[in-house]
C-alpha atoms as a PDB file:
ATOM      1  CA  MET A   1     197.410 -90.712  28.906  1.00  0.00           C
ATOM      2  CA  ILE A   2     198.286 -86.863  27.185  1.00  0.00           C
ATOM      3  CA  ASP A   3     196.509 -83.798  28.906  1.00  0.00           C
ATOM      4  CA  ASP A   4     195.330 -81.349  27.306  1.00  0.00           C
ATOM      5  CA  LEU A   5     197.544 -77.743  28.726  1.00  0.00           C
ATOM      6  CA  GLY A   6     195.250 -75.264  27.331  1.00  0.00           C
ATOM      7  CA  VAL A   7     197.314 -73.744  24.872  1.00  0.00           C
ATOM      8  CA  ARG A   8     195.311 -70.923  22.988  1.00  0.00           C
ATOM      9  CA  ALA A   9     194.988 -71.355  19.428  1.00  0.00           C
ATOM     10  CA  GLY A  10     197.209 -68.856  18.111  1.00  0.00           C
ATOM     11  CA  LEU A  11     199.527 -69.326  20.578  1.00  0.00           C
ATOM     12  CA  ASP A  12     203.154 -71.324  20.689  1.00  0.00           C
ATOM     13  CA  GLY A  13     202.683 -72.302  24.128  1.00  0.00           C
ATOM     14  CA  ARG A  14     201.748 -70.755  26.959  1.00  0.00           C
ATOM     15  CA  VAL A  15     203.458 -69.658  30.923  1.00  0.00           C
ATOM     16  CA  VAL A  16     202.608 -70.350  33.741  1.00  0.00           C
ATOM     17  CA  ARG A  17     203.202 -69.359  37.951  1.00  0.00           C
ATOM     18  CA  HIS A  18     202.063 -72.055  40.107  1.00  0.00           C
ATOM     19  CA  THR A  19     201.742 -72.026  44.069  1.00  0.00           C
ATOM     20  CA  VAL A  20     201.611 -74.456  46.142  1.00  0.00           C
ATOM     21  CA  GLY A  21     197.391 -74.301  46.023  1.00  0.00           C
ATOM     22  CA  ASP A  22     197.311 -73.644  42.583  1.00  0.00           C
ATOM     23  CA  VAL A  23     194.061 -75.214  42.081  1.00  0.00           C
ATOM     24  CA  ARG A  24     195.200 -75.683  37.866  1.00  0.00           C
ATOM     25  CA  PRO A  25     195.957 -79.230  36.406  1.00  0.00           C
ATOM     26  CA  ARG A  26     199.949 -80.269  36.807  1.00  0.00           C
ATOM     27  CA  PRO A  27     200.681 -81.626  33.743  1.00  0.00           C
ATOM     28  CA  HIS A  28     201.612 -85.442  33.656  1.00  0.00           C
ATOM     29  CA  ARG A  29     202.269 -86.507  29.560  1.00  0.00           C
ATOM     30  CA  HIS A  30     201.736 -84.196  26.842  1.00  0.00           C
ATOM     31  CA  ALA A  31     202.649 -83.042  23.381  1.00  0.00           C
ATOM     32  CA  GLU A  32     204.710 -79.718  23.892  1.00  0.00           C
ATOM     33  CA  LEU A  33     208.125 -79.335  25.369  1.00  0.00           C
ATOM     34  CA  GLU A  34     207.799 -78.166  29.209  1.00  0.00           C
ATOM     35  CA  LEU A  35     210.372 -76.048  31.409  1.00  0.00           C
ATOM     36  CA  ASN A  36     210.317 -75.783  34.711  1.00  0.00           C
ATOM     37  CA  LEU A  37     211.813 -72.795  36.766  1.00  0.00           C
ATOM     38  CA  VAL A  38     211.963 -73.269  40.871  1.00  0.00           C
ATOM     39  CA  VAL A  39     211.802 -69.520  42.586  1.00  0.00           C
ATOM     40  CA  ARG A  40     211.019 -70.718  46.053  1.00  0.00           C
ATOM     41  CA  GLY A  41     210.663 -73.618  48.227  1.00  0.00           C
ATOM     42  CA  THR A  42     211.150 -77.439  47.780  1.00  0.00           C
ATOM     43  CA  ALA A  43     209.539 -80.237  45.449  1.00  0.00           C
ATOM     44  CA  SER A  44     210.495 -83.411  43.387  1.00  0.00           C
ATOM     45  CA  TYR A  45     208.942 -84.951  40.568  1.00  0.00           C
ATOM     46  CA  LEU A  46     208.405 -88.950  40.268  1.00  0.00           C
ATOM     47  CA  LEU A  47     210.074 -89.152  36.728  1.00  0.00           C
ATOM     48  CA  GLY A  48     210.031 -92.598  35.403  1.00  0.00           C
ATOM     49  CA  ASP A  49     211.858 -94.812  37.830  1.00  0.00           C
ATOM     50  CA  ARG A  50     213.258 -92.100  39.173  1.00  0.00           C
ATOM     51  CA  ARG A  51     213.152 -89.213  41.859  1.00  0.00           C
ATOM     52  CA  TYR A  52     214.482 -85.541  41.258  1.00  0.00           C
ATOM     53  CA  VAL A  53     214.244 -83.183  44.404  1.00  0.00           C
ATOM     54  CA  LEU A  54     213.502 -79.639  43.131  1.00  0.00           C
ATOM     55  CA  THR A  55     215.073 -76.795  45.173  1.00  0.00           C
ATOM     56  CA  PRO A  56     215.633 -73.021  44.084  1.00  0.00           C
ATOM     57  CA  GLY A  57     216.965 -72.022  40.771  1.00  0.00           C
ATOM     58  CA  THR A  58     216.409 -75.755  39.972  1.00  0.00           C
ATOM     59  CA  LEU A  59     215.953 -75.899  35.557  1.00  0.00           C
ATOM     60  CA  THR A  60     214.397 -78.701  34.776  1.00  0.00           C
ATOM     61  CA  TRP A  61     213.166 -80.235  31.007  1.00  0.00           C
ATOM     62  CA  LEU A  62     210.413 -82.277  30.641  1.00  0.00           C
ATOM     63  CA  PHE A  63     209.391 -83.694  27.153  1.00  0.00           C
ATOM     64  CA  SER A  64     206.560 -85.074  25.335  1.00  0.00           C
ATOM     65  CA  GLY A  65     207.315 -89.075  26.084  1.00  0.00           C
ATOM     66  CA  GLN A  66     208.000 -88.678  29.852  1.00  0.00           C
ATOM     67  CA  ASP A  67     205.489 -89.561  32.388  1.00  0.00           C
ATOM     68  CA  HIS A  68     205.959 -87.419  34.914  1.00  0.00           C
ATOM     69  CA  VAL A  69     204.117 -85.888  38.574  1.00  0.00           C
ATOM     70  CA  LEU A  70     205.146 -83.286  40.838  1.00  0.00           C
ATOM     71  CA  ILE A  71     204.951 -84.083  44.498  1.00  0.00           C
ATOM     72  CA  ASP A  72     206.176 -83.257  48.389  1.00  0.00           C
ATOM     73  CA  GLU A  73     205.532 -79.381  47.743  1.00  0.00           C
ATOM     74  CA  SER A  74     206.701 -77.369  50.873  1.00  0.00           C
ATOM     75  CA  ALA A  75     204.199 -74.629  51.880  1.00  0.00           C
ATOM     76  CA  ASP A  76     205.916 -72.263  50.691  1.00  0.00           C
ATOM     77  CA  HIS A  77     207.181 -73.676  46.846  1.00  0.00           C
ATOM     78  CA  GLU A  78     206.825 -71.676  43.928  1.00  0.00           C
ATOM     79  CA  LEU A  79     207.642 -72.589  40.146  1.00  0.00           C
ATOM     80  CA  TRP A  80     207.173 -71.065  36.673  1.00  0.00           C
ATOM     81  CA  TRP A  81     206.006 -73.193  33.959  1.00  0.00           C
ATOM     82  CA  ALA A  82     206.206 -73.093  30.483  1.00  0.00           C
ATOM     83  CA  VAL A  83     205.150 -75.325  27.292  1.00  0.00           C
ATOM     84  CA  PHE A  84     206.110 -74.881  23.875  1.00  0.00           C
ATOM     85  CA  ARG A  85     204.217 -76.722  20.442  1.00  0.00           C
ATOM     86  CA  PRO A  86     206.419 -78.671  18.797  1.00  0.00           C
ATOM     87  CA  ALA A  87     206.659 -76.427  15.759  1.00  0.00           C
ATOM     88  CA  LEU A  88     207.757 -74.023  17.685  1.00  0.00           C
ATOM     89  CA  VAL A  89     210.534 -76.722  19.105  1.00  0.00           C
ATOM     90  CA  ALA A  90     211.415 -77.703  15.506  1.00  0.00           C
ATOM     91  CA  ARG A  91     212.031 -73.823  14.378  1.00  0.00           C
ATOM     92  CA  ILE A  92     214.538 -72.800  17.265  1.00  0.00           C
ATOM     93  CA  ALA A  93     216.208 -76.332  18.065  1.00  0.00           C
ATOM     94  CA  THR A  94     218.422 -76.179  14.961  1.00  0.00           C
ATOM     95  CA  THR A  95     221.896 -76.978  15.692  1.00  0.00           C
ATOM     96  CA  PRO A  96     223.791 -80.069  16.734  1.00  0.00           C
ATOM     97  CA  GLN A  97     223.506 -78.662  20.223  1.00  0.00           C
ATOM     98  CA  ALA A  98     219.760 -78.191  20.260  1.00  0.00           C
ATOM     99  CA  ARG A  99     219.505 -82.107  18.621  1.00  0.00           C
ATOM    100  CA  PRO A 100     217.342 -83.043  22.317  1.00  0.00           C
ATOM    101  CA  LEU A 101     214.926 -80.758  22.374  1.00  0.00           C
ATOM    102  CA  LEU A 102     213.225 -82.539  19.004  1.00  0.00           C
ATOM    103  CA  GLU A 103     213.027 -86.289  21.048  1.00  0.00           C
ATOM    104  CA  LYS A 104     210.197 -87.444  22.601  1.00  0.00           C
ATOM    105  CA  ASP A 105     212.762 -88.856  26.154  1.00  0.00           C
ATOM    106  CA  PRO A 106     215.914 -88.344  25.348  1.00  0.00           C
ATOM    107  CA  ALA A 107     219.381 -89.638  27.149  1.00  0.00           C
ATOM    108  CA  GLY A 108     220.682 -87.849  29.455  1.00  0.00           C
ATOM    109  CA  GLN A 109     220.537 -85.488  32.374  1.00  0.00           C
ATOM    110  CA  PHE A 110     218.365 -82.333  32.137  1.00  0.00           C
ATOM    111  CA  TRP A 111     218.019 -80.940  35.090  1.00  0.00           C
ATOM    112  CA  ARG A 112     220.586 -77.871  36.332  1.00  0.00           C
ATOM    113  CA  ARG A 113     220.450 -75.846  39.366  1.00  0.00           C
ATOM    114  CA  LEU A 114     221.582 -71.975  37.954  1.00  0.00           C
ATOM    115  CA  ASP A 115     223.124 -69.202  39.452  1.00  0.00           C
ATOM    116  CA  SER A 116     221.695 -66.540  40.998  1.00  0.00           C
ATOM    117  CA  GLY A 117     221.769 -63.577  38.323  1.00  0.00           C
ATOM    118  CA  ARG A 118     220.510 -66.467  35.483  1.00  0.00           C
ATOM    119  CA  VAL A 119     217.883 -67.412  37.960  1.00  0.00           C
ATOM    120  CA  ARG A 120     216.918 -63.722  37.846  1.00  0.00           C
ATOM    121  CA  ARG A 121     216.933 -63.168  34.313  1.00  0.00           C
ATOM    122  CA  LEU A 122     214.951 -66.370  33.146  1.00  0.00           C
ATOM    123  CA  ALA A 123     212.227 -65.442  35.907  1.00  0.00           C
ATOM    124  CA  ALA A 124     211.996 -62.052  34.596  1.00  0.00           C
ATOM    125  CA  LEU A 125     211.507 -63.471  30.916  1.00  0.00           C
ATOM    126  CA  PHE A 126     208.891 -65.913  32.469  1.00  0.00           C
ATOM    127  CA  HIS A 127     206.678 -63.139  34.084  1.00  0.00           C
ATOM    128  CA  GLU A 128     207.237 -61.169  30.365  1.00  0.00           C
ATOM    129  CA  VAL A 129     206.019 -63.332  28.605  1.00  0.00           C
ATOM    130  CA  ARG A 130     202.997 -64.413  30.963  1.00  0.00           C
ATOM    131  CA  ASP A 131     201.773 -60.612  30.696  1.00  0.00           C
ATOM    132  CA  ALA A 132     202.152 -60.590  27.102  1.00  0.00           C
ATOM    133  CA  GLU A 133     198.884 -62.894  26.942  1.00  0.00           C
ATOM    134  CA  ALA A 134     196.627 -59.971  27.960  1.00  0.00           C
ATOM    135  CA  VAL A 135     198.040 -57.522  25.457  1.00  0.00           C
ATOM    136  CA  ASP A 136     199.159 -59.448  22.236  1.00  0.00           C
ATOM    137  CA  ASP A 137     199.513 -62.877  20.522  1.00  0.00           C
ATOM    138  CA  VAL A 138     202.534 -62.053  18.349  1.00  0.00           C
ATOM    139  CA  LEU A 139     204.445 -60.652  21.158  1.00  0.00           C
ATOM    140  CA  VAL A 140     203.162 -63.557  22.752  1.00  0.00           C
ATOM    141  CA  ASN A 141     204.758 -65.881  20.782  1.00  0.00           C
ATOM    142  CA  THR A 142     207.959 -63.767  20.076  1.00  0.00           C
ATOM    143  CA  GLY A 143     208.554 -64.177  23.398  1.00  0.00           C
ATOM    144  CA  LEU A 144     208.205 -67.942  23.327  1.00  0.00           C
ATOM    145  CA  GLY A 145     210.891 -68.065  21.211  1.00  0.00           C
ATOM    146  CA  TYR A 146     213.479 -66.052  22.960  1.00  0.00           C
ATOM    147  CA  LEU A 147     212.769 -67.944  26.421  1.00  0.00           C
ATOM    148  CA  LEU A 148     212.816 -71.171  24.680  1.00  0.00           C
ATOM    149  CA  SER A 149     216.603 -70.383  23.194  1.00  0.00           C
ATOM    150  CA  PHE A 150     217.271 -68.022  26.558  1.00  0.00           C
ATOM    151  CA  ALA A 151     216.895 -71.096  28.510  1.00  0.00           C
ATOM    152  CA  TRP A 152     218.346 -73.519  27.091  1.00  0.00           C
ATOM    153  CA  ARG A 153     221.411 -71.837  27.040  1.00  0.00           C
ATOM    154  CA  ALA A 154     221.493 -71.700  30.100  1.00  0.00           C
ATOM    155  CA  PHE A 155     221.041 -75.019  30.665  1.00  0.00           C
ATOM    156  CA  LEU A 156     224.247 -75.839  28.150  1.00  0.00           C
ATOM    157  CA  ASP A 157     226.286 -73.344  30.130  1.00  0.00           C
ATOM    158  CA  GLY A 158     225.447 -74.897  33.497  1.00  0.00           C
ATOM    159  CA  ASP A 159     227.475 -77.307  35.438  1.00  0.00           C
ATOM    160  CA  ASP A 160     225.553 -78.144  38.626  1.00  0.00           C
ATOM    161  CA  VAL A 161     223.735 -80.992  37.911  1.00  0.00           C
ATOM    162  CA  VAL A 162     220.858 -82.417  39.189  1.00  0.00           C
ATOM    163  CA  GLU A 163     220.968 -86.186  39.999  1.00  0.00           C
ATOM    164  CA  GLY A 164     217.997 -88.443  40.395  1.00  0.00           C
ATOM    165  CA  VAL A 165     217.204 -91.109  42.752  1.00  0.00           C
ATOM    166  CA  ASP A 166     216.763 -94.710  41.407  1.00  0.00           C
ATOM    167  CA  LEU A 167     213.315 -96.006  42.983  1.00  0.00           C
ATOM    168  CA  HIS A 168     212.237 -99.517  43.600  1.00  0.00           C
ATOM    169  CA  PRO A 169     210.671-101.539  41.122  1.00  0.00           C
ATOM    170  CA  ALA A 170     207.669-101.619  43.690  1.00  0.00           C
ATOM    171  CA  VAL A 171     207.125 -97.791  43.844  1.00  0.00           C
ATOM    172  CA  GLU A 172     207.282 -97.191  40.278  1.00  0.00           C
ATOM    173  CA  SER A 173     205.298 -99.952  39.290  1.00  0.00           C
ATOM    174  CA  VAL A 174     201.957 -98.858  42.572  1.00  0.00           C
ATOM    175  CA  ALA A 175     202.884 -94.605  41.188  1.00  0.00           C
ATOM    176  CA  ARG A 176     202.666 -95.658  37.601  1.00  0.00           C
ATOM    177  CA  MET A 177     199.168 -98.109  38.891  1.00  0.00           C
ATOM    178  CA  LEU A 178     197.570 -94.607  41.071  1.00  0.00           C
ATOM    179  CA  ARG A 179     198.454 -92.639  38.194  1.00  0.00           C
ATOM    180  CA  ALA A 180     196.311 -94.532  35.467  1.00  0.00           C
ATOM    181  CA  ASP A 181     194.294 -95.069  38.254  1.00  0.00           C
ATOM    182  CA  PRO A 182     193.599 -93.873  41.710  1.00  0.00           C
ATOM    183  CA  ASP A 183     191.277 -96.265  42.455  1.00  0.00           C
ATOM    184  CA  ALA A 184     193.038 -99.393  41.485  1.00  0.00           C
ATOM    185  CA  GLY A 185     192.935-100.845  45.158  1.00  0.00           C
ATOM    186  CA  ASP A 186     193.750-100.700  48.309  1.00  0.00           C
ATOM    187  CA  LEU A 187     197.536-101.068  50.136  1.00  0.00           C
ATOM    188  CA  ALA A 188     197.206-104.726  50.235  1.00  0.00           C
ATOM    189  CA  THR A 189     196.096-105.449  46.137  1.00  0.00           C
ATOM    190  CA  LEU A 190     198.891-102.551  45.685  1.00  0.00           C
ATOM    191  CA  ALA A 191     201.206-104.996  47.792  1.00  0.00           C
ATOM    192  CA  ARG A 192     199.887-107.900  46.257  1.00  0.00           C
ATOM    193  CA  ALA A 193     201.112-106.426  42.662  1.00  0.00           C
ATOM    194  CA  ALA A 194     203.799-105.285  43.809  1.00  0.00           C
ATOM    195  CA  SER A 195     205.536-108.377  45.647  1.00  0.00           C
ATOM    196  CA  LEU A 196     205.564-106.844  48.715  1.00  0.00           C
ATOM    197  CA  SER A 197     203.967-106.578  52.036  1.00  0.00           C
ATOM    198  CA  PRO A 198     201.533-103.720  53.263  1.00  0.00           C
ATOM    199  CA  SER A 199     204.267-102.562  55.879  1.00  0.00           C
ATOM    200  CA  HIS A 200     207.187-103.407  53.324  1.00  0.00           C
ATOM    201  CA  LEU A 201     205.559-101.401  50.619  1.00  0.00           C
ATOM    202  CA  SER A 202     203.735 -98.379  52.345  1.00  0.00           C
ATOM    203  CA  ARG A 203     207.757 -97.766  54.400  1.00  0.00           C
ATOM    204  CA  ILE A 204     209.641 -97.948  51.243  1.00  0.00           C
ATOM    205  CA  PHE A 205     207.019 -95.595  48.689  1.00  0.00           C
ATOM    206  CA  LYS A 206     206.810 -92.800  51.915  1.00  0.00           C
ATOM    207  CA  GLU A 207     210.687 -93.305  52.393  1.00  0.00           C
ATOM    208  CA  GLN A 208     211.309 -92.559  48.224  1.00  0.00           C
ATOM    209  CA  SER A 209     208.473 -90.789  47.039  1.00  0.00           C
ATOM    210  CA  GLY A 210     208.312 -87.842  50.186  1.00  0.00           C
ATOM    211  CA  VAL A 211     204.873 -88.930  50.549  1.00  0.00           C
ATOM    212  CA  SER A 212     202.214 -91.475  51.676  1.00  0.00           C
ATOM    213  CA  ILE A 213     200.366 -93.898  49.230  1.00  0.00           C
ATOM    214  CA  SER A 214     197.321 -92.588  50.774  1.00  0.00           C
ATOM    215  CA  ARG A 215     198.327 -88.659  50.047  1.00  0.00           C
ATOM    216  CA  PHE A 216     199.558 -89.466  46.218  1.00  0.00           C
ATOM    217  CA  ARG A 217     196.470 -91.198  45.788  1.00  0.00           C
ATOM    218  CA  ASN A 218     194.341 -88.495  46.673  1.00  0.00           C
ATOM    219  CA  GLN A 219     196.423 -86.021  44.677  1.00  0.00           C
ATOM    220  CA  GLN A 220     195.791 -88.514  41.865  1.00  0.00           C
ATOM    221  CA  ARG A 221     192.232 -88.132  42.354  1.00  0.00           C
ATOM    222  CA  LEU A 222     192.579 -84.358  42.574  1.00  0.00           C
ATOM    223  CA  GLN A 223     194.137 -84.545  39.399  1.00  0.00           C
ATOM    224  CA  ARG A 224     191.513 -86.506  38.017  1.00  0.00           C
ATOM    225  CA  PHE A 225     188.864 -84.286  39.516  1.00  0.00           C
ATOM    226  CA  LEU A 226     190.097 -81.173  37.647  1.00  0.00           C
ATOM    227  CA  ARG A 227     190.355 -82.566  34.316  1.00  0.00           C
ATOM    228  CA  CYS A 228     186.396 -83.895  35.062  1.00  0.00           C
ATOM    229  CA  TYR A 229     185.522 -80.373  36.394  1.00  0.00           C
ATOM    230  CA  ASP A 230     187.890 -77.653  33.821  1.00  0.00           C
ATOM    231  CA  GLU A 231     186.287 -75.051  36.124  1.00  0.00           C
ATOM    232  CA  GLY A 232     182.619 -75.778  35.579  1.00  0.00           C
ATOM    233  CA  ARG A 233     182.627 -76.105  31.648  1.00  0.00           C
ATOM    234  CA  ARG A 234     182.255 -79.545  31.768  1.00  0.00           C
ATOM    235  CA  THR A 235     180.128 -79.715  34.968  1.00  0.00           C
ATOM    236  CA  THR A 236     179.525 -79.272  38.256  1.00  0.00           C
ATOM    237  CA  ALA A 237     181.931 -80.014  41.167  1.00  0.00           C
ATOM    238  CA  LEU A 238     179.834 -82.888  42.969  1.00  0.00           C
ATOM    239  CA  ALA A 239     179.797 -84.779  40.328  1.00  0.00           C
ATOM    240  CA  ALA A 240     183.179 -84.167  38.636  1.00  0.00           C
ATOM    241  CA  ALA A 241     184.864 -85.428  42.638  1.00  0.00           C
ATOM    242  CA  LEU A 242     182.437 -88.063  42.312  1.00  0.00           C
ATOM    243  CA  GLU A 243     183.791 -89.182  38.831  1.00  0.00           C
ATOM    244  CA  ALA A 244     186.877 -88.354  40.482  1.00  0.00           C
ATOM    245  CA  GLY A 245     187.034 -91.287  42.699  1.00  0.00           C
ATOM    246  CA  PHE A 246     185.643 -89.124  46.171  1.00  0.00           C
ATOM    247  CA  GLY A 247     183.318 -91.361  48.454  1.00  0.00           C
ATOM    248  CA  SER A 248     181.391 -87.683  48.894  1.00  0.00           C
ATOM    249  CA  TYR A 249     181.787 -84.647  48.482  1.00  0.00           C
ATOM    250  CA  ALA A 250     182.677 -84.097  52.529  1.00  0.00           C
ATOM    251  CA  GLN A 251     185.818 -85.851  51.643  1.00  0.00           C
ATOM    252  CA  PHE A 252     186.633 -84.143  48.415  1.00  0.00           C
ATOM    253  CA  HIS A 253     186.132 -80.961  50.341  1.00  0.00           C
ATOM    254  CA  ARG A 254     188.598 -82.259  53.156  1.00  0.00           C
ATOM    255  CA  VAL A 255     191.257 -83.538  50.441  1.00  0.00           C
ATOM    256  CA  PHE A 256     191.025 -80.036  48.454  1.00  0.00           C
ATOM    257  CA  ARG A 257     191.746 -77.988  51.165  1.00  0.00           C
ATOM    258  CA  GLU A 258     194.337 -80.293  52.749  1.00  0.00           C
ATOM    259  CA  GLN A 259     196.467 -80.114  48.821  1.00  0.00           C
ATOM    260  CA  THR A 260     195.910 -76.813  47.914  1.00  0.00           C
ATOM    261  CA  GLY A 261     195.227 -74.459  51.463  1.00  0.00           C
ATOM    262  CA  ARG A 262     191.706 -73.256  49.937  1.00  0.00           C
ATOM    263  CA  SER A 263     188.127 -74.516  49.682  1.00  0.00           C
ATOM    264  CA  PRO A 264     186.694 -75.595  46.444  1.00  0.00           C
ATOM    265  CA  SER A 265     184.967 -72.433  46.358  1.00  0.00           C
ATOM    266  CA  ALA A 266     188.632 -71.007  44.703  1.00  0.00           C
ATOM    267  CA  LEU A 267     187.919 -72.766  41.722  1.00  0.00           C
ATOM    268  CA  ARG A 268     185.114 -70.535  40.719  1.00  0.00           C
ATOM    269  CA  THR A 269     186.925 -67.233  41.459  1.00  0.00           C
ATOM    270  CA  ALA A 270     189.699 -69.222  39.132  1.00  0.00           C
ATOM    271  CA  ALA A 271     187.416 -69.323  36.138  1.00  0.00           C
ATOM    272  CA  ALA A 272     186.168 -65.864  36.837  1.00  0.00           C
ATOM    273  CA  ASP A 273     189.353 -64.618  36.650  1.00  0.00           C
ATOM    274  CA  ASP A 274     190.536 -66.592  33.571  1.00  0.00           C
ATOM    275  CA  ASP A 275     187.437 -65.459  31.518  1.00  0.00           C
ATOM    276  CA  LEU A 276     187.942 -61.568  32.946  1.00  0.00           C
ATOM    277  CA  SER A 277     191.853 -61.909  31.432  1.00  0.00           C
ATOM    278  CA  LEU A 278     190.731 -63.718  28.730  1.00  0.00           C
ATOM    279  CA  ALA A 279     188.445 -61.026  27.177  1.00  0.00           C
ATOM    280  CA  ARG A 280     190.576 -58.333  28.353  1.00  0.00           C
ATOM    281  CA  GLY A 281     193.375 -60.207  25.906  1.00  0.00           C
ATOM    282  CA  HIS A 282     190.813 -60.065  22.901  1.00  0.00           C
ATOM    283  CA  ARG A 283     189.905 -56.747  23.327  1.00  0.00           C
END
C-alpha cells in the first residue's frame, strides 16, 4: 500500500519530529525518499526480511520500494524524519556516488551511526526546515535540498554501519500478513500459515521483532485507524476504529492509550494545532 504522507502542494518534501505518543501515521511504503535521524531512545525497524535496531545518532535511508514499519519504541524515543519528492531527489542526485538515492530498493547498507557533532548539525537542519513551513515555501524547498545533500554526505563519511538481523521466514511472513490485514487470523491461523506451532511462532516473533504478535497486530490496527480517520476530516473516531478492526470503542481507547500514552482526544488537539499552523503559514 502506498501511503500519503501529507506533503503539501508546492513543497518538495516534509520534515516531522516524531516522539512516542505521536498520533500521526507512521509510513509503511511511499513514493518519497525518506530520511530518519534518531536523537533519543531506541526503536526498531522491520525492513523486508531484516530487523534494524535504532539508537541515538542512527541515520537511516528508506527507499520507495521498501516496505518498512517502526516498532518497539522506548518510552523516550524521538527521531526526526523527512521525506523528499522524487523530482527533488533527481535534481540533487547527479553524481555517481548519489545514484542509489534514485533507486527504489538499492543494494547495500544504508544505516549509519554518526558522531555527535554531525548529529547536532543535522538535528538543527531538520528543526530549521520544519519551522520554515510556517514562513515561506521557497525557504522550505531550499532547506530540503540542503538537508538532503548534507545528510547524504554525512552518510558517505560515516563508517559505523548498523547491521540488520535476519528474520526467521515465518516472522517476516506473519509481519507482512498483519501489515496487509491486521485481522488476518488468530494465532492458530497464523501459525498454520507459517508452518509452525502457535507457541513456537509466538516465541520467535517476540524474540526477533521485540513485540508480541498481539501488540504488533494492534499497532497495525492503529495505523489503519489513523489512515481512515485522517484527523477527523473523513469520518468519526468510532467509525474509523470499527473499520480498522477494533471490536469496540472501548478496545480502541485502551490500545490507543497503550500505544501513544494519550487519550484519543489528543487527535482533536493535534488537528486543531495543524489547522492553526497552516493558517499562519498562508498569511
